[in-house]
């Protein structure tokens, strides 16, 4: 799995490419929590995620909870079909704010 972090309009965009599974979830967790720790809005770009398991979902939930406790935005953007299916099965599509693009997320 590859992770890229960039800043756009004051928000940190954390992009993932590949599978977010038990092997890669510690890196996913660290990248997300480090980004949230900077006190800015964080957008997790899941467009390149082919597969996400429960450990990857747990990383997203933990980052979301930390951002919420700091009154910061944590938004999922460009969620791949496979990742969206997992989030829907866990009913987390009702918990997370999910946007189609960075511009949509910036308007939220």
PDB file of N, CA and C in Angstrom:
ATOM      1  N   UNK A   1       0.830  -1.173   0.000  1.00  0.00           N
ATOM      2  CA  UNK A   1       0.000   0.000   0.000  1.00  0.00           C
ATOM      3  C   UNK A   1       0.882   1.246   0.000  1.00  0.00           C
ATOM      4  N   UNK A   2       0.458   2.243  -0.735  1.00  0.00           N
ATOM      5  CA  UNK A   2       1.166   3.525  -0.792  1.00  0.00           C
ATOM      6  C   UNK A   2       0.298   4.591  -0.150  1.00  0.00           C
ATOM      7  N   UNK A   3       0.962   5.517   0.549  1.00  0.00           N
ATOM      8  CA  UNK A   3       0.265   6.630   1.192  1.00  0.00           C
ATOM      9  C   UNK A   3       0.920   7.926   0.754  1.00  0.00           C
ATOM     10  N   UNK A   4       0.108   8.895   0.388  1.00  0.00           N
ATOM     11  CA  UNK A   4       0.599  10.234   0.042  1.00  0.00           C
ATOM     12  C   UNK A   4      -0.195  11.245   0.853  1.00  0.00           C
ATOM     13  N   UNK A   5       0.502  12.265   1.346  1.00  0.00           N
ATOM     14  CA  UNK A   5      -0.162  13.327   2.100  1.00  0.00           C
ATOM     15  C   UNK A   5       0.194  14.653   1.455  1.00  0.00           C
ATOM     16  N   UNK A   6      -0.837  15.448   1.216  1.00  0.00           N
ATOM     17  CA  UNK A   6      -0.609  16.783   0.665  1.00  0.00           C
ATOM     18  C   UNK A   6      -1.614  17.739   1.302  1.00  0.00           C
ATOM     19  N   UNK A   7      -1.313  19.020   1.199  1.00  0.00           N
ATOM     20  CA  UNK A   7      -2.225  20.022   1.744  1.00  0.00           C
ATOM     21  C   UNK A   7      -2.879  20.774   0.600  1.00  0.00           C
ATOM     22  N   UNK A   8      -4.174  21.002   0.745  1.00  0.00           N
ATOM     23  CA  UNK A   8      -4.912  21.764  -0.257  1.00  0.00           C
ATOM     24  C   UNK A   8      -5.961  22.612   0.458  1.00  0.00           C
ATOM     25  N   UNK A   9      -5.895  23.905   0.242  1.00  0.00           N
ATOM     26  CA  UNK A   9      -6.846  24.847   0.855  1.00  0.00           C
ATOM     27  C   UNK A   9      -6.980  24.658   2.361  1.00  0.00           C
ATOM     28  N   UNK A  10      -5.860  24.420   3.029  1.00  0.00           N
ATOM     29  CA  UNK A  10      -5.849  24.290   4.479  1.00  0.00           C
ATOM     30  C   UNK A  10      -6.239  22.933   5.018  1.00  0.00           C
ATOM     31  N   UNK A  11      -6.581  21.991   4.138  1.00  0.00           N
ATOM     32  CA  UNK A  11      -6.937  20.628   4.561  1.00  0.00           C
ATOM     33  C   UNK A  11      -5.826  19.671   4.150  1.00  0.00           C
ATOM     34  N   UNK A  12      -5.637  18.647   4.955  1.00  0.00           N
ATOM     35  CA  UNK A  12      -4.676  17.603   4.614  1.00  0.00           C
ATOM     36  C   UNK A  12      -5.404  16.478   3.900  1.00  0.00           C
ATOM     37  N   UNK A  13      -4.902  16.113   2.727  1.00  0.00           N
ATOM     38  CA  UNK A  13      -5.485  15.015   1.968  1.00  0.00           C
ATOM     39  C   UNK A  13      -4.533  13.835   2.102  1.00  0.00           C
ATOM     40  N   UNK A  14      -5.038  12.754   2.700  1.00  0.00           N
ATOM     41  CA  UNK A  14      -4.259  11.533   2.877  1.00  0.00           C
ATOM     42  C   UNK A  14      -4.802  10.522   1.873  1.00  0.00           C
ATOM     43  N   UNK A  15      -4.001  10.220   0.865  1.00  0.00           N
ATOM     44  CA  UNK A  15      -4.434   9.322  -0.215  1.00  0.00           C
ATOM     45  C   UNK A  15      -3.802   7.947  -0.032  1.00  0.00           C
ATOM     46  N   UNK A  16      -4.628   6.928  -0.231  1.00  0.00           N
ATOM     47  CA  UNK A  16      -4.169   5.552  -0.110  1.00  0.00           C
ATOM     48  C   UNK A  16      -4.327   4.855  -1.444  1.00  0.00           C
ATOM     49  N   UNK A  17      -3.350   3.987  -1.757  1.00  0.00           N
ATOM     50  CA  UNK A  17      -3.401   3.213  -2.980  1.00  0.00           C
ATOM     51  C   UNK A  17      -3.012   1.783  -2.652  1.00  0.00           C
ATOM     52  N   UNK A  18      -3.899   0.854  -2.962  1.00  0.00           N
ATOM     53  CA  UNK A  18      -3.648  -0.554  -2.676  1.00  0.00           C
ATOM     54  C   UNK A  18      -4.636  -1.079  -1.659  1.00  0.00           C
ATOM     55  N   UNK A  19      -4.254  -2.164  -1.006  1.00  0.00           N
ATOM     56  CA  UNK A  19      -5.127  -2.797  -0.025  1.00  0.00           C
ATOM     57  C   UNK A  19      -4.829  -2.273   1.376  1.00  0.00           C
ATOM     58  N   UNK A  20      -5.890  -1.986   2.117  1.00  0.00           N
ATOM     59  CA  UNK A  20      -5.755  -1.578   3.515  1.00  0.00           C
ATOM     60  C   UNK A  20      -6.207  -2.782   4.341  1.00  0.00           C
ATOM     61  N   UNK A  21      -5.234  -3.576   4.755  1.00  0.00           N
ATOM     62  CA  UNK A  21      -5.525  -4.817   5.449  1.00  0.00           C
ATOM     63  C   UNK A  21      -4.681  -4.929   6.715  1.00  0.00           C
ATOM     64  N   UNK A  22      -4.695  -6.090   7.327  1.00  0.00           N
ATOM     65  CA  UNK A  22      -3.996  -6.291   8.590  1.00  0.00           C
ATOM     66  C   UNK A  22      -2.514  -5.930   8.484  1.00  0.00           C
ATOM     67  N   UNK A  23      -1.917  -6.202   7.353  1.00  0.00           N
ATOM     68  CA  UNK A  23      -0.499  -5.905   7.162  1.00  0.00           C
ATOM     69  C   UNK A  23      -0.234  -4.400   7.046  1.00  0.00           C
ATOM     70  N   UNK A  24      -1.085  -3.686   6.339  1.00  0.00           N
ATOM     71  CA  UNK A  24      -0.841  -2.268   6.079  1.00  0.00           C
ATOM     72  C   UNK A  24      -1.568  -1.327   7.033  1.00  0.00           C
ATOM     73  N   UNK A  25      -2.507  -1.843   7.808  1.00  0.00           N
ATOM     74  CA  UNK A  25      -3.307  -0.950   8.660  1.00  0.00           C
ATOM     75  C   UNK A  25      -2.495  -0.195   9.716  1.00  0.00           C
ATOM     76  N   UNK A  26      -1.397  -0.729  10.262  1.00  0.00           N
ATOM     77  CA  UNK A  26      -0.615   0.102  11.190  1.00  0.00           C
ATOM     78  C   UNK A  26      -0.069   1.369  10.525  1.00  0.00           C
ATOM     79  N   UNK A  27       0.354   1.257   9.269  1.00  0.00           N
ATOM     80  CA  UNK A  27       0.828   2.434   8.535  1.00  0.00           C
ATOM     81  C   UNK A  27      -0.326   3.386   8.224  1.00  0.00           C
ATOM     82  N   UNK A  28      -1.481   2.811   7.893  1.00  0.00           N
ATOM     83  CA  UNK A  28      -2.680   3.612   7.640  1.00  0.00           C
ATOM     84  C   UNK A  28      -3.054   4.395   8.888  1.00  0.00           C
ATOM     85  N   UNK A  29      -3.087   3.697  10.009  1.00  0.00           N
ATOM     86  CA  UNK A  29      -3.440   4.314  11.289  1.00  0.00           C
ATOM     87  C   UNK A  29      -2.483   5.455  11.612  1.00  0.00           C
ATOM     88  N   UNK A  30      -1.187   5.204  11.481  1.00  0.00           N
ATOM     89  CA  UNK A  30      -0.191   6.228  11.798  1.00  0.00           C
ATOM     90  C   UNK A  30      -0.346   7.454  10.907  1.00  0.00           C
ATOM     91  N   UNK A  31      -0.518   7.239   9.612  1.00  0.00           N
ATOM     92  CA  UNK A  31      -0.662   8.360   8.676  1.00  0.00           C
ATOM     93  C   UNK A  31      -1.900   9.196   9.024  1.00  0.00           C
ATOM     94  N   UNK A  32      -3.007   8.530   9.312  1.00  0.00           N
ATOM     95  CA  UNK A  32      -4.239   9.254   9.630  1.00  0.00           C
ATOM     96  C   UNK A  32      -4.142   9.990  10.966  1.00  0.00           C
ATOM     97  N   UNK A  33      -3.630   9.321  11.985  1.00  0.00           N
ATOM     98  CA  UNK A  33      -3.537   9.967  13.301  1.00  0.00           C
ATOM     99  C   UNK A  33      -2.524  11.108  13.299  1.00  0.00           C
ATOM    100  N   UNK A  34      -1.430  10.956  12.567  1.00  0.00           N
ATOM    101  CA  UNK A  34      -0.462  12.057  12.437  1.00  0.00           C
ATOM    102  C   UNK A  34      -1.102  13.259  11.755  1.00  0.00           C
ATOM    103  N   UNK A  35      -1.882  13.005  10.709  1.00  0.00           N
ATOM    104  CA  UNK A  35      -2.555  14.093   9.992  1.00  0.00           C
ATOM    105  C   UNK A  35      -3.575  14.776  10.900  1.00  0.00           C
ATOM    106  N   UNK A  36      -4.386  13.999  11.582  1.00  0.00           N
ATOM    107  CA  UNK A  36      -5.389  14.563  12.490  1.00  0.00           C
ATOM    108  C   UNK A  36      -4.709  15.361  13.601  1.00  0.00           C
ATOM    109  N   UNK A  37      -3.563  14.882  14.060  1.00  0.00           N
ATOM    110  CA  UNK A  37      -2.823  15.551  15.120  1.00  0.00           C
ATOM    111  C   UNK A  37      -2.330  16.941  14.755  1.00  0.00           C
ATOM    112  N   UNK A  38      -2.338  17.278  13.469  1.00  0.00           N
ATOM    113  CA  UNK A  38      -1.891  18.603  13.041  1.00  0.00           C
ATOM    114  C   UNK A  38      -2.978  19.666  13.213  1.00  0.00           C
ATOM    115  N   UNK A  39      -4.161  19.238  13.623  1.00  0.00           N
ATOM    116  CA  UNK A  39      -5.222  20.191  13.928  1.00  0.00           C
ATOM    117  C   UNK A  39      -5.906  20.804  12.720  1.00  0.00           C
ATOM    118  N   UNK A  40      -5.800  20.154  11.586  1.00  0.00           N
ATOM    119  CA  UNK A  40      -6.446  20.640  10.369  1.00  0.00           C
ATOM    120  C   UNK A  40      -7.520  19.647   9.947  1.00  0.00           C
ATOM    121  N   UNK A  41      -8.370  20.083   9.034  1.00  0.00           N
ATOM    122  CA  UNK A  41      -9.332  19.153   8.436  1.00  0.00           C
ATOM    123  C   UNK A  41      -8.543  18.075   7.703  1.00  0.00           C
ATOM    124  N   UNK A  42      -9.025  16.836   7.793  1.00  0.00           N
ATOM    125  CA  UNK A  42      -8.365  15.716   7.129  1.00  0.00           C
ATOM    126  C   UNK A  42      -9.362  15.036   6.205  1.00  0.00           C
ATOM    127  N   UNK A  43      -8.942  14.860   4.959  1.00  0.00           N
ATOM    128  CA  UNK A  43      -9.735  14.161   3.964  1.00  0.00           C
ATOM    129  C   UNK A  43      -8.996  12.880   3.601  1.00  0.00           C
ATOM    130  N   UNK A  44      -9.599  11.740   3.849  1.00  0.00           N
ATOM    131  CA  UNK A  44      -9.007  10.451   3.504  1.00  0.00           C
ATOM    132  C   UNK A  44      -9.507  10.052   2.116  1.00  0.00           C
ATOM    133  N   UNK A  45      -8.596  10.063   1.155  1.00  0.00           N
ATOM    134  CA  UNK A  45      -8.917   9.734  -0.232  1.00  0.00           C
ATOM    135  C   UNK A  45      -8.785   8.223  -0.415  1.00  0.00           C
ATOM    136  N   UNK A  46      -9.911   7.567  -0.616  1.00  0.00           N
ATOM    137  CA  UNK A  46      -9.923   6.112  -0.747  1.00  0.00           C
ATOM    138  C   UNK A  46     -10.165   5.655  -2.183  1.00  0.00           C
ATOM    139  N   UNK A  47      -9.914   6.537  -3.137  1.00  0.00           N
ATOM    140  CA  UNK A  47     -10.170   6.192  -4.542  1.00  0.00           C
ATOM    141  C   UNK A  47      -9.279   5.056  -5.023  1.00  0.00           C
ATOM    142  N   UNK A  48      -8.088   4.917  -4.462  1.00  0.00           N
ATOM    143  CA  UNK A  48      -7.155   3.889  -4.905  1.00  0.00           C
ATOM    144  C   UNK A  48      -7.166   2.632  -4.064  1.00  0.00           C
ATOM    145  N   UNK A  49      -8.145   2.509  -3.168  1.00  0.00           N
ATOM    146  CA  UNK A  49      -8.212   1.348  -2.282  1.00  0.00           C
ATOM    147  C   UNK A  49      -9.004   0.231  -2.969  1.00  0.00           C
ATOM    148  N   UNK A  50      -8.321  -0.882  -3.213  1.00  0.00           N
ATOM    149  CA  UNK A  50      -8.982  -2.021  -3.838  1.00  0.00           C
ATOM    150  C   UNK A  50      -9.692  -2.906  -2.829  1.00  0.00           C
ATOM    151  N   UNK A  51      -9.171  -2.926  -1.600  1.00  0.00           N
ATOM    152  CA  UNK A  51      -9.719  -3.789  -0.557  1.00  0.00           C
ATOM    153  C   UNK A  51      -9.443  -3.144   0.787  1.00  0.00           C
ATOM    154  N   UNK A  52     -10.415  -3.187   1.686  1.00  0.00           N
ATOM    155  CA  UNK A  52     -10.218  -2.716   3.055  1.00  0.00           C
ATOM    156  C   UNK A  52     -10.871  -3.731   3.983  1.00  0.00           C
ATOM    157  N   UNK A  53     -10.134  -4.124   5.035  1.00  0.00           N
ATOM    158  CA  UNK A  53     -10.699  -5.074   5.988  1.00  0.00           C
ATOM    159  C   UNK A  53     -11.026  -4.351   7.295  1.00  0.00           C
ATOM    160  N   UNK A  54     -11.417  -5.124   8.296  1.00  0.00           N
ATOM    161  CA  UNK A  54     -11.860  -4.529   9.558  1.00  0.00           C
ATOM    162  C   UNK A  54     -10.755  -3.735  10.251  1.00  0.00           C
ATOM    163  N   UNK A  55      -9.503  -4.132  10.090  1.00  0.00           N
ATOM    164  CA  UNK A  55      -8.412  -3.373  10.717  1.00  0.00           C
ATOM    165  C   UNK A  55      -8.248  -2.011  10.043  1.00  0.00           C
ATOM    166  N   UNK A  56      -8.463  -1.957   8.738  1.00  0.00           N
ATOM    167  CA  UNK A  56      -8.413  -0.680   8.029  1.00  0.00           C
ATOM    168  C   UNK A  56      -9.579   0.208   8.409  1.00  0.00           C
ATOM    169  N   UNK A  57     -10.755  -0.386   8.535  1.00  0.00           N
ATOM    170  CA  UNK A  57     -11.936   0.362   8.964  1.00  0.00           C
ATOM    171  C   UNK A  57     -11.716   0.899  10.381  1.00  0.00           C
ATOM    172  N   UNK A  58     -11.120   0.085  11.250  1.00  0.00           N
ATOM    173  CA  UNK A  58     -10.846   0.533  12.622  1.00  0.00           C
ATOM    174  C   UNK A  58      -9.915   1.744  12.631  1.00  0.00           C
ATOM    175  N   UNK A  59      -8.960   1.789  11.718  1.00  0.00           N
ATOM    176  CA  UNK A  59      -8.060   2.942  11.617  1.00  0.00           C
ATOM    177  C   UNK A  59      -8.831   4.196  11.226  1.00  0.00           C
ATOM    178  N   UNK A  60      -9.763   4.049  10.293  1.00  0.00           N
ATOM    179  CA  UNK A  60     -10.597   5.180   9.888  1.00  0.00           C
ATOM    180  C   UNK A  60     -11.456   5.673  11.051  1.00  0.00           C
ATOM    181  N   UNK A  61     -12.049   4.738  11.770  1.00  0.00           N
ATOM    182  CA  UNK A  61     -12.913   5.096  12.897  1.00  0.00           C
ATOM    183  C   UNK A  61     -12.115   5.811  13.985  1.00  0.00           C
ATOM    184  N   UNK A  62     -10.923   5.307  14.293  1.00  0.00           N
ATOM    185  CA  UNK A  62     -10.097   5.936  15.327  1.00  0.00           C
ATOM    186  C   UNK A  62      -9.707   7.363  14.935  1.00  0.00           C
ATOM    187  N   UNK A  63      -9.324   7.556  13.689  1.00  0.00           N
ATOM    188  CA  UNK A  63      -8.970   8.901  13.222  1.00  0.00           C
ATOM    189  C   UNK A  63     -10.189   9.820  13.253  1.00  0.00           C
ATOM    190  N   UNK A  64     -11.337   9.301  12.859  1.00  0.00           N
ATOM    191  CA  UNK A  64     -12.578  10.069  12.900  1.00  0.00           C
ATOM    192  C   UNK A  64     -12.893  10.518  14.332  1.00  0.00           C
ATOM    193  N   UNK A  65     -12.778   9.598  15.273  1.00  0.00           N
ATOM    194  CA  UNK A  65     -13.072   9.921  16.674  1.00  0.00           C
ATOM    195  C   UNK A  65     -12.102  10.964  17.224  1.00  0.00           C
ATOM    196  N   UNK A  66     -10.831  10.829  16.867  1.00  0.00           N
ATOM    197  CA  UNK A  66      -9.837  11.803  17.340  1.00  0.00           C
ATOM    198  C   UNK A  66     -10.120  13.185  16.751  1.00  0.00           C
ATOM    199  N   UNK A  67     -10.424  13.241  15.457  1.00  0.00           N
ATOM    200  CA  UNK A  67     -10.736  14.524  14.813  1.00  0.00           C
ATOM    201  C   UNK A  67     -11.973  15.145  15.452  1.00  0.00           C
ATOM    202  N   UNK A  68     -12.989  14.323  15.681  1.00  0.00           N
ATOM    203  CA  UNK A  68     -14.225  14.818  16.283  1.00  0.00           C
ATOM    204  C   UNK A  68     -13.963  15.386  17.676  1.00  0.00           C
ATOM    205  N   UNK A  69     -13.110  14.727  18.459  1.00  0.00           N
ATOM    206  CA  UNK A  69     -12.807  15.204  19.815  1.00  0.00           C
ATOM    207  C   UNK A  69     -12.062  16.541  19.784  1.00  0.00           C
ATOM    208  N   UNK A  70     -11.413  16.828  18.648  1.00  0.00           N
ATOM    209  CA  UNK A  70     -10.685  18.091  18.479  1.00  0.00           C
ATOM    210  C   UNK A  70     -11.500  19.119  17.697  1.00  0.00           C
ATOM    211  N   UNK A  71     -12.753  18.798  17.420  1.00  0.00           N
ATOM    212  CA  UNK A  71     -13.631  19.661  16.622  1.00  0.00           C
ATOM    213  C   UNK A  71     -13.062  19.948  15.241  1.00  0.00           C
ATOM    214  N   UNK A  72     -12.464  18.940  14.632  1.00  0.00           N
ATOM    215  CA  UNK A  72     -11.931  19.053  13.275  1.00  0.00           C
ATOM    216  C   UNK A  72     -12.688  18.130  12.343  1.00  0.00           C
ATOM    217  N   UNK A  73     -12.673  18.465  11.072  1.00  0.00           N
ATOM    218  CA  UNK A  73     -13.335  17.648  10.060  1.00  0.00           C
ATOM    219  C   UNK A  73     -12.492  16.418   9.744  1.00  0.00           C
ATOM    220  N   UNK A  74     -13.180  15.303   9.538  1.00  0.00           N
ATOM    221  CA  UNK A  74     -12.570  14.087   9.003  1.00  0.00           C
ATOM    222  C   UNK A  74     -13.560  13.545   7.988  1.00  0.00           C
ATOM    223  N   UNK A  75     -13.196  13.628   6.717  1.00  0.00           N
ATOM    224  CA  UNK A  75     -14.120  13.299   5.633  1.00  0.00           C
ATOM    225  C   UNK A  75     -13.470  12.265   4.713  1.00  0.00           C
ATOM    226  N   UNK A  76     -14.253  11.292   4.312  1.00  0.00           N
ATOM    227  CA  UNK A  76     -13.800  10.326   3.318  1.00  0.00           C
ATOM    228  C   UNK A  76     -14.175  10.862   1.947  1.00  0.00           C
ATOM    229  N   UNK A  77     -13.215  10.818   1.019  1.00  0.00           N
ATOM    230  CA  UNK A  77     -13.485  11.320  -0.330  1.00  0.00           C
ATOM    231  C   UNK A  77     -13.163  10.252  -1.370  1.00  0.00           C
ATOM    232  N   UNK A  78     -13.881  10.329  -2.459  1.00  0.00           N
ATOM    233  CA  UNK A  78     -13.641   9.460  -3.622  1.00  0.00           C
ATOM    234  C   UNK A  78     -13.511   7.991  -3.206  1.00  0.00           C
ATOM    235  N   UNK A  79     -14.430   7.529  -2.408  1.00  0.00           N
ATOM    236  CA  UNK A  79     -14.371   6.164  -1.880  1.00  0.00           C
ATOM    237  C   UNK A  79     -14.612   5.161  -3.005  1.00  0.00           C
ATOM    238  N   UNK A  80     -13.669   4.226  -3.162  1.00  0.00           N
ATOM    239  CA  UNK A  80     -13.805   3.210  -4.202  1.00  0.00           C
ATOM    240  C   UNK A  80     -15.043   2.349  -3.935  1.00  0.00           C
ATOM    241  N   UNK A  81     -15.514   1.705  -4.969  1.00  0.00           N
ATOM    242  CA  UNK A  81     -16.715   0.871  -4.850  1.00  0.00           C
ATOM    243  C   UNK A  81     -16.531  -0.237  -3.811  1.00  0.00           C
ATOM    244  N   UNK A  82     -15.365  -0.885  -3.820  1.00  0.00           N
ATOM    245  CA  UNK A  82     -15.109  -1.964  -2.864  1.00  0.00           C
ATOM    246  C   UNK A  82     -15.074  -1.451  -1.429  1.00  0.00           C
ATOM    247  N   UNK A  83     -14.425  -0.328  -1.200  1.00  0.00           N
ATOM    248  CA  UNK A  83     -14.362   0.243   0.153  1.00  0.00           C
ATOM    249  C   UNK A  83     -15.744   0.715   0.591  1.00  0.00           C
ATOM    250  N   UNK A  84     -16.498   1.300  -0.312  1.00  0.00           N
ATOM    251  CA  UNK A  84     -17.852   1.771   0.026  1.00  0.00           C
ATOM    252  C   UNK A  84     -18.744   0.599   0.444  1.00  0.00           C
ATOM    253  N   UNK A  85     -18.605  -0.522  -0.234  1.00  0.00           N
ATOM    254  CA  UNK A  85     -19.402  -1.704   0.087  1.00  0.00           C
ATOM    255  C   UNK A  85     -19.126  -2.165   1.527  1.00  0.00           C
ATOM    256  N   UNK A  86     -17.865  -2.172   1.924  1.00  0.00           N
ATOM    257  CA  UNK A  86     -17.501  -2.565   3.289  1.00  0.00           C
ATOM    258  C   UNK A  86     -18.082  -1.575   4.295  1.00  0.00           C
ATOM    259  N   UNK A  87     -17.964  -0.283   4.005  1.00  0.00           N
ATOM    260  CA  UNK A  87     -18.506   0.737   4.911  1.00  0.00           C
ATOM    261  C   UNK A  87     -20.026   0.612   5.030  1.00  0.00           C
ATOM    262  N   UNK A  88     -20.684   0.310   3.924  1.00  0.00           N
ATOM    263  CA  UNK A  88     -22.135   0.143   3.950  1.00  0.00           C
ATOM    264  C   UNK A  88     -22.541  -1.082   4.764  1.00  0.00           C
ATOM    265  N   UNK A  89     -21.805  -2.183   4.611  1.00  0.00           N
ATOM    266  CA  UNK A  89     -22.107  -3.392   5.379  1.00  0.00           C
ATOM    267  C   UNK A  89     -21.992  -3.148   6.882  1.00  0.00           C
ATOM    268  N   UNK A  90     -21.024  -2.331   7.260  1.00  0.00           N
ATOM    269  CA  UNK A  90     -20.828  -1.998   8.679  1.00  0.00           C
ATOM    270  C   UNK A  90     -21.693  -0.813   9.107  1.00  0.00           C
ATOM    271  N   UNK A  91     -22.479  -0.294   8.169  1.00  0.00           N
ATOM    272  CA  UNK A  91     -23.350   0.872   8.387  1.00  0.00           C
ATOM    273  C   UNK A  91     -22.549   2.135   8.759  1.00  0.00           C
ATOM    274  N   UNK A  92     -21.289   2.143   8.410  1.00  0.00           N
ATOM    275  CA  UNK A  92     -20.458   3.310   8.698  1.00  0.00           C
ATOM    276  C   UNK A  92     -20.634   4.408   7.662  1.00  0.00           C
ATOM    277  N   UNK A  93     -21.308   4.105   6.563  1.00  0.00           N
ATOM    278  CA  UNK A  93     -21.623   5.150   5.594  1.00  0.00           C
ATOM    279  C   UNK A  93     -22.574   6.169   6.200  1.00  0.00           C
ATOM    280  N   UNK A  94     -23.232   5.796   7.306  1.00  0.00           N
ATOM    281  CA  UNK A  94     -24.125   6.714   8.027  1.00  0.00           C
ATOM    282  C   UNK A  94     -23.371   7.516   9.088  1.00  0.00           C
ATOM    283  N   UNK A  95     -22.164   7.070   9.422  1.00  0.00           N
ATOM    284  CA  UNK A  95     -21.351   7.728  10.456  1.00  0.00           C
ATOM    285  C   UNK A  95     -20.392   8.740   9.834  1.00  0.00           C
ATOM    286  N   UNK A  96     -19.688   8.301   8.809  1.00  0.00           N
ATOM    287  CA  UNK A  96     -18.710   9.158   8.148  1.00  0.00           C
ATOM    288  C   UNK A  96     -19.398  10.123   7.195  1.00  0.00           C
ATOM    289  N   UNK A  97     -18.806  11.291   7.035  1.00  0.00           N
ATOM    290  CA  UNK A  97     -19.170  12.169   5.933  1.00  0.00           C
ATOM    291  C   UNK A  97     -18.388  11.655   4.728  1.00  0.00           C
ATOM    292  N   UNK A  98     -19.088  11.350   3.649  1.00  0.00           N
ATOM    293  CA  UNK A  98     -18.461  10.824   2.439  1.00  0.00           C
ATOM    294  C   UNK A  98     -18.784  11.775   1.299  1.00  0.00           C
ATOM    295  N   UNK A  99     -17.727  12.271   0.656  1.00  0.00           N
ATOM    296  CA  UNK A  99     -17.888  13.200  -0.472  1.00  0.00           C
ATOM    297  C   UNK A  99     -17.255  12.604  -1.716  1.00  0.00           C
ATOM    298  N   UNK A 100     -17.755  13.042  -2.863  1.00  0.00           N
ATOM    299  CA  UNK A 100     -17.238  12.546  -4.132  1.00  0.00           C
ATOM    300  C   UNK A 100     -15.907  13.165  -4.534  1.00  0.00           C
ATOM    301  N   UNK A 101     -15.619  14.362  -4.022  1.00  0.00           N
ATOM    302  CA  UNK A 101     -14.405  15.068  -4.447  1.00  0.00           C
ATOM    303  C   UNK A 101     -13.878  15.972  -3.346  1.00  0.00           C
ATOM    304  N   UNK A 102     -12.671  16.457  -3.549  1.00  0.00           N
ATOM    305  CA  UNK A 102     -12.066  17.392  -2.590  1.00  0.00           C
ATOM    306  C   UNK A 102     -12.884  18.684  -2.536  1.00  0.00           C
ATOM    307  N   UNK A 103     -13.330  19.168  -3.689  1.00  0.00           N
ATOM    308  CA  UNK A 103     -14.099  20.413  -3.688  1.00  0.00           C
ATOM    309  C   UNK A 103     -15.403  20.252  -2.920  1.00  0.00           C
ATOM    310  N   UNK A 104     -16.059  19.087  -3.046  1.00  0.00           N
ATOM    311  CA  UNK A 104     -17.275  18.836  -2.273  1.00  0.00           C
ATOM    312  C   UNK A 104     -16.958  18.833  -0.778  1.00  0.00           C
ATOM    313  N   UNK A 105     -15.849  18.220  -0.402  1.00  0.00           N
ATOM    314  CA  UNK A 105     -15.470  18.141   1.010  1.00  0.00           C
ATOM    315  C   UNK A 105     -15.136  19.520   1.563  1.00  0.00           C
ATOM    316  N   UNK A 106     -14.494  20.351   0.751  1.00  0.00           N
ATOM    317  CA  UNK A 106     -14.161  21.707   1.211  1.00  0.00           C
ATOM    318  C   UNK A 106     -15.405  22.530   1.455  1.00  0.00           C
ATOM    319  N   UNK A 107     -16.486  22.232   0.729  1.00  0.00           N
ATOM    320  CA  UNK A 107     -17.750  22.949   0.884  1.00  0.00           C
ATOM    321  C   UNK A 107     -18.580  22.449   2.069  1.00  0.00           C
ATOM    322  N   UNK A 108     -18.145  21.354   2.685  1.00  0.00           N
ATOM    323  CA  UNK A 108     -18.902  20.752   3.788  1.00  0.00           C
ATOM    324  C   UNK A 108     -18.609  21.435   5.105  1.00  0.00           C
TER     325      UNK A 108
END
